[in-house]
N, C-alpha and C. Protein backbone atom coordinates (compact mmCIF):
# COMPACT_ATOMS: atom_id res chain seq x y z
N MET A 1 0.82 -1.21 0.00
CA MET A 1 0.00 0.00 0.00
C MET A 1 0.86 1.27 0.00
N ALA A 2 1.89 1.33 0.85
CA ALA A 2 2.74 2.52 0.88
C ALA A 2 3.40 2.72 -0.48
N ALA A 3 3.81 1.63 -1.13
CA ALA A 3 4.45 1.74 -2.44
C ALA A 3 3.52 2.40 -3.45
N GLU A 4 2.22 2.10 -3.36
CA GLU A 4 1.25 2.70 -4.27
C GLU A 4 1.12 4.21 -4.00
N VAL A 5 1.17 4.59 -2.72
CA VAL A 5 1.11 6.01 -2.37
C VAL A 5 2.32 6.74 -2.93
N PHE A 6 3.50 6.10 -2.85
CA PHE A 6 4.70 6.74 -3.39
C PHE A 6 4.64 6.86 -4.91
N ALA A 7 4.03 5.89 -5.58
CA ALA A 7 3.85 5.99 -7.03
C ALA A 7 2.93 7.17 -7.36
N THR A 8 1.87 7.34 -6.57
CA THR A 8 0.97 8.47 -6.76
C THR A 8 1.68 9.79 -6.46
N LEU A 9 2.48 9.80 -5.39
CA LEU A 9 3.24 10.99 -5.04
C LEU A 9 4.23 11.36 -6.15
N ASP A 10 4.86 10.35 -6.73
CA ASP A 10 5.81 10.60 -7.82
C ASP A 10 5.11 11.33 -8.96
N LYS A 11 3.92 10.86 -9.33
CA LYS A 11 3.15 11.52 -10.39
C LYS A 11 2.73 12.93 -9.98
N ALA A 12 2.30 13.08 -8.71
CA ALA A 12 1.86 14.39 -8.23
C ALA A 12 3.02 15.39 -8.22
N ILE A 13 4.20 14.93 -7.82
CA ILE A 13 5.37 15.81 -7.79
C ILE A 13 5.70 16.28 -9.21
N LYS A 14 5.69 15.35 -10.15
CA LYS A 14 6.03 15.69 -11.53
C LYS A 14 4.97 16.58 -12.18
N ALA A 15 3.72 16.47 -11.71
CA ALA A 15 2.64 17.29 -12.26
C ALA A 15 2.56 18.66 -11.59
N ASN A 16 3.21 18.81 -10.44
CA ASN A 16 3.14 20.05 -9.67
C ASN A 16 4.54 20.53 -9.30
N VAL A 17 5.38 20.68 -10.29
CA VAL A 17 6.79 21.02 -10.06
C VAL A 17 6.92 22.32 -9.27
N ASP A 18 6.09 23.32 -9.56
CA ASP A 18 6.19 24.59 -8.83
C ASP A 18 5.91 24.41 -7.34
N LYS A 19 4.89 23.63 -7.00
CA LYS A 19 4.57 23.38 -5.59
C LYS A 19 5.69 22.57 -4.93
N ALA A 20 6.21 21.59 -5.64
CA ALA A 20 7.29 20.76 -5.10
C ALA A 20 8.53 21.60 -4.83
N LYS A 21 8.83 22.52 -5.73
CA LYS A 21 10.01 23.39 -5.56
C LYS A 21 9.87 24.28 -4.34
N LYS A 22 8.63 24.66 -4.00
CA LYS A 22 8.41 25.48 -2.80
C LYS A 22 8.75 24.69 -1.54
N ILE A 23 8.47 23.41 -1.52
CA ILE A 23 8.81 22.56 -0.37
C ILE A 23 10.33 22.35 -0.35
N ASN A 24 10.92 22.06 -1.51
CA ASN A 24 12.36 22.03 -1.71
C ASN A 24 13.11 21.22 -0.65
N GLY A 25 12.73 19.97 -0.50
CA GLY A 25 13.41 19.13 0.49
C GLY A 25 13.46 17.68 0.06
N VAL A 26 14.26 16.91 0.80
CA VAL A 26 14.38 15.48 0.55
C VAL A 26 13.95 14.76 1.82
N PHE A 27 12.91 13.94 1.69
CA PHE A 27 12.35 13.19 2.81
C PHE A 27 12.75 11.72 2.67
N GLN A 28 13.28 11.17 3.73
CA GLN A 28 13.54 9.73 3.80
C GLN A 28 12.52 9.15 4.75
N TRP A 29 11.80 8.13 4.32
CA TRP A 29 10.79 7.49 5.14
C TRP A 29 11.20 6.05 5.43
N THR A 30 11.02 5.62 6.68
CA THR A 30 11.12 4.22 7.03
C THR A 30 9.72 3.82 7.50
N ILE A 31 9.08 2.98 6.70
CA ILE A 31 7.68 2.59 6.95
C ILE A 31 7.66 1.08 7.16
N ASP A 32 7.38 0.69 8.40
CA ASP A 32 7.39 -0.73 8.77
C ASP A 32 8.68 -1.42 8.29
N GLY A 33 9.81 -0.73 8.46
CA GLY A 33 11.11 -1.30 8.13
C GLY A 33 11.53 -1.20 6.67
N LYS A 34 10.68 -0.65 5.81
CA LYS A 34 11.01 -0.48 4.38
C LYS A 34 11.34 0.99 4.12
N ASP A 35 12.32 1.22 3.24
CA ASP A 35 12.77 2.57 2.95
C ASP A 35 12.13 3.13 1.68
N TYR A 36 11.71 4.39 1.79
CA TYR A 36 11.14 5.14 0.67
C TYR A 36 11.72 6.55 0.73
N GLN A 37 11.76 7.22 -0.41
CA GLN A 37 12.25 8.60 -0.44
C GLN A 37 11.36 9.47 -1.30
N MET A 38 11.31 10.73 -0.92
CA MET A 38 10.63 11.76 -1.72
C MET A 38 11.63 12.88 -1.90
N ASP A 39 12.04 13.10 -3.12
CA ASP A 39 13.04 14.12 -3.42
C ASP A 39 12.36 15.25 -4.17
N LEU A 40 12.06 16.32 -3.45
CA LEU A 40 11.38 17.46 -4.04
C LEU A 40 12.37 18.47 -4.62
N LYS A 41 13.63 18.11 -4.62
CA LYS A 41 14.65 18.88 -5.32
C LYS A 41 14.90 18.22 -6.68
N GLY A 42 14.97 16.89 -6.67
CA GLY A 42 15.18 16.12 -7.89
C GLY A 42 13.89 15.70 -8.56
N MET A 43 12.75 16.00 -7.93
CA MET A 43 11.42 15.77 -8.48
C MET A 43 11.07 14.30 -8.68
N GLY A 44 11.09 13.53 -7.59
CA GLY A 44 10.67 12.15 -7.69
C GLY A 44 10.42 11.53 -6.34
N ALA A 45 9.75 10.38 -6.34
CA ALA A 45 9.46 9.64 -5.11
C ALA A 45 9.41 8.16 -5.44
N GLY A 46 9.80 7.33 -4.48
CA GLY A 46 9.73 5.90 -4.68
C GLY A 46 10.50 5.13 -3.63
N PRO A 47 10.64 3.83 -3.84
CA PRO A 47 11.35 3.01 -2.86
C PRO A 47 12.85 3.32 -2.87
N GLY A 48 13.50 3.04 -1.76
CA GLY A 48 14.94 3.21 -1.66
C GLY A 48 15.34 4.29 -0.69
N LYS A 49 16.66 4.48 -0.59
CA LYS A 49 17.21 5.47 0.33
C LYS A 49 17.65 6.71 -0.43
N ALA A 50 17.38 7.86 0.16
CA ALA A 50 17.84 9.13 -0.40
C ALA A 50 19.31 9.32 -0.05
N ALA A 51 20.07 9.90 -0.97
CA ALA A 51 21.50 10.12 -0.74
C ALA A 51 21.74 11.10 0.41
N LYS A 52 21.05 12.22 0.40
CA LYS A 52 21.24 13.23 1.44
C LYS A 52 19.89 13.78 1.89
N PRO A 53 19.17 13.03 2.74
CA PRO A 53 17.85 13.51 3.18
C PRO A 53 17.96 14.72 4.11
N ASP A 54 16.99 15.62 3.98
CA ASP A 54 16.89 16.74 4.91
C ASP A 54 16.25 16.28 6.21
N VAL A 55 15.38 15.28 6.10
CA VAL A 55 14.71 14.73 7.27
C VAL A 55 14.43 13.25 7.04
N THR A 56 14.54 12.48 8.11
CA THR A 56 14.23 11.05 8.07
C THR A 56 13.07 10.81 9.03
N LEU A 57 12.00 10.19 8.51
CA LEU A 57 10.80 9.95 9.30
C LEU A 57 10.56 8.45 9.43
N THR A 58 10.13 8.04 10.62
CA THR A 58 9.80 6.64 10.88
C THR A 58 8.34 6.59 11.32
N ILE A 59 7.59 5.68 10.68
CA ILE A 59 6.15 5.62 10.90
C ILE A 59 5.65 4.23 10.51
N THR A 60 4.49 3.82 11.04
CA THR A 60 3.88 2.56 10.59
C THR A 60 3.15 2.82 9.27
N GLU A 61 2.93 1.75 8.52
CA GLU A 61 2.23 1.92 7.24
C GLU A 61 0.82 2.45 7.44
N LYS A 62 0.13 1.95 8.45
CA LYS A 62 -1.24 2.42 8.71
C LYS A 62 -1.25 3.92 8.98
N ASP A 63 -0.34 4.37 9.84
CA ASP A 63 -0.29 5.80 10.16
C ASP A 63 0.13 6.63 8.95
N PHE A 64 1.05 6.11 8.13
CA PHE A 64 1.46 6.81 6.91
C PHE A 64 0.27 6.98 5.97
N LEU A 65 -0.50 5.91 5.80
CA LEU A 65 -1.68 5.98 4.92
C LEU A 65 -2.70 6.98 5.46
N ASP A 66 -2.89 6.99 6.78
CA ASP A 66 -3.81 7.96 7.39
C ASP A 66 -3.30 9.39 7.18
N LEU A 67 -2.00 9.58 7.33
CA LEU A 67 -1.40 10.90 7.14
C LEU A 67 -1.58 11.39 5.71
N MET A 68 -1.25 10.56 4.75
CA MET A 68 -1.30 10.98 3.35
C MET A 68 -2.72 11.10 2.81
N SER A 69 -3.67 10.39 3.43
CA SER A 69 -5.06 10.49 2.98
C SER A 69 -5.78 11.67 3.63
N GLY A 70 -5.12 12.29 4.61
CA GLY A 70 -5.75 13.42 5.29
C GLY A 70 -6.57 13.01 6.49
N LYS A 71 -6.62 11.71 6.80
CA LYS A 71 -7.38 11.25 7.97
C LYS A 71 -6.68 11.62 9.28
N ALA A 72 -5.37 11.85 9.21
CA ALA A 72 -4.61 12.18 10.40
C ALA A 72 -3.81 13.46 10.16
N ASN A 73 -3.54 14.16 11.24
CA ASN A 73 -2.78 15.41 11.20
C ASN A 73 -1.34 15.13 11.62
N GLY A 74 -0.39 15.58 10.81
CA GLY A 74 1.02 15.33 11.07
C GLY A 74 1.49 15.84 12.41
N GLN A 75 1.03 17.04 12.79
CA GLN A 75 1.46 17.60 14.07
C GLN A 75 0.96 16.76 15.23
N SER A 76 -0.30 16.37 15.20
CA SER A 76 -0.83 15.58 16.31
C SER A 76 -0.19 14.19 16.34
N MET A 77 0.15 13.65 15.15
CA MET A 77 0.82 12.35 15.11
C MET A 77 2.21 12.45 15.72
N PHE A 78 2.89 13.55 15.45
CA PHE A 78 4.21 13.77 16.03
C PHE A 78 4.10 13.89 17.55
N MET A 79 3.14 14.67 18.01
CA MET A 79 2.97 14.90 19.45
C MET A 79 2.62 13.60 20.19
N SER A 80 1.93 12.69 19.51
CA SER A 80 1.55 11.43 20.16
C SER A 80 2.60 10.34 19.94
N GLY A 81 3.69 10.67 19.26
CA GLY A 81 4.77 9.70 19.07
C GLY A 81 4.58 8.74 17.91
N LYS A 82 3.58 8.98 17.07
CA LYS A 82 3.33 8.08 15.94
C LYS A 82 4.30 8.33 14.79
N ILE A 83 4.87 9.53 14.72
CA ILE A 83 5.91 9.86 13.74
C ILE A 83 7.16 10.24 14.53
N LYS A 84 8.26 9.61 14.18
CA LYS A 84 9.54 10.00 14.76
C LYS A 84 10.38 10.56 13.62
N PHE A 85 11.18 11.58 13.93
CA PHE A 85 12.00 12.16 12.87
C PHE A 85 13.38 12.54 13.37
N LYS A 86 14.31 12.59 12.43
CA LYS A 86 15.66 13.10 12.67
C LYS A 86 15.94 14.08 11.54
N GLY A 87 16.48 15.23 11.88
CA GLY A 87 16.83 16.20 10.85
C GLY A 87 16.05 17.48 10.96
N ASN A 88 15.75 18.07 9.82
CA ASN A 88 15.16 19.39 9.69
C ASN A 88 13.67 19.39 10.06
N MET A 89 13.36 19.98 11.22
CA MET A 89 11.96 20.03 11.66
C MET A 89 11.12 20.87 10.71
N GLY A 90 11.72 21.84 10.06
CA GLY A 90 10.98 22.66 9.09
C GLY A 90 10.37 21.81 7.99
N MET A 91 11.07 20.76 7.59
CA MET A 91 10.54 19.86 6.56
C MET A 91 9.34 19.08 7.10
N VAL A 92 9.40 18.71 8.36
CA VAL A 92 8.27 18.00 8.98
C VAL A 92 7.03 18.88 8.95
N MET A 93 7.23 20.17 9.15
CA MET A 93 6.11 21.11 9.16
C MET A 93 5.47 21.25 7.78
N LYS A 94 6.16 20.81 6.74
CA LYS A 94 5.64 20.91 5.38
C LYS A 94 4.89 19.66 4.93
N LEU A 95 4.67 18.71 5.85
CA LEU A 95 3.94 17.50 5.49
C LEU A 95 2.53 17.80 4.99
N GLY A 96 1.92 18.83 5.53
CA GLY A 96 0.59 19.22 5.07
C GLY A 96 0.59 19.61 3.60
N ASP A 97 1.66 20.25 3.16
CA ASP A 97 1.78 20.62 1.75
C ASP A 97 1.87 19.37 0.87
N LEU A 98 2.54 18.34 1.38
CA LEU A 98 2.62 17.07 0.65
C LEU A 98 1.24 16.43 0.53
N GLN A 99 0.47 16.48 1.62
CA GLN A 99 -0.90 15.94 1.59
C GLN A 99 -1.71 16.62 0.49
N LYS A 100 -1.58 17.93 0.39
CA LYS A 100 -2.36 18.69 -0.59
C LYS A 100 -1.99 18.33 -2.03
N MET A 101 -0.73 17.93 -2.24
CA MET A 101 -0.31 17.56 -3.59
C MET A 101 -0.93 16.25 -4.04
N MET A 102 -1.33 15.42 -3.09
CA MET A 102 -1.94 14.14 -3.43
C MET A 102 -3.26 14.42 -4.09
């Protein structure tokens, strides 16, 4: 399921280059032990590790799906410990912009 969301995100990033450039970051995700990346500088998303992520996020697949579908709020998920991150907190604050691109 997460892989399908990243495929959709890849298309959304490529269709909304101006919006992606405003976010201008590289997100590394670890979802249930699998690695995915969203590179809004290089304009793509998919499985694998990012070379130089601005932020690394760890989350369960269920919570990731809730986050990307808009059922859950990134800030409240962070506050409740459902999302853990290392790196640039400013990028974490832009998760809502990623939701809107979907």
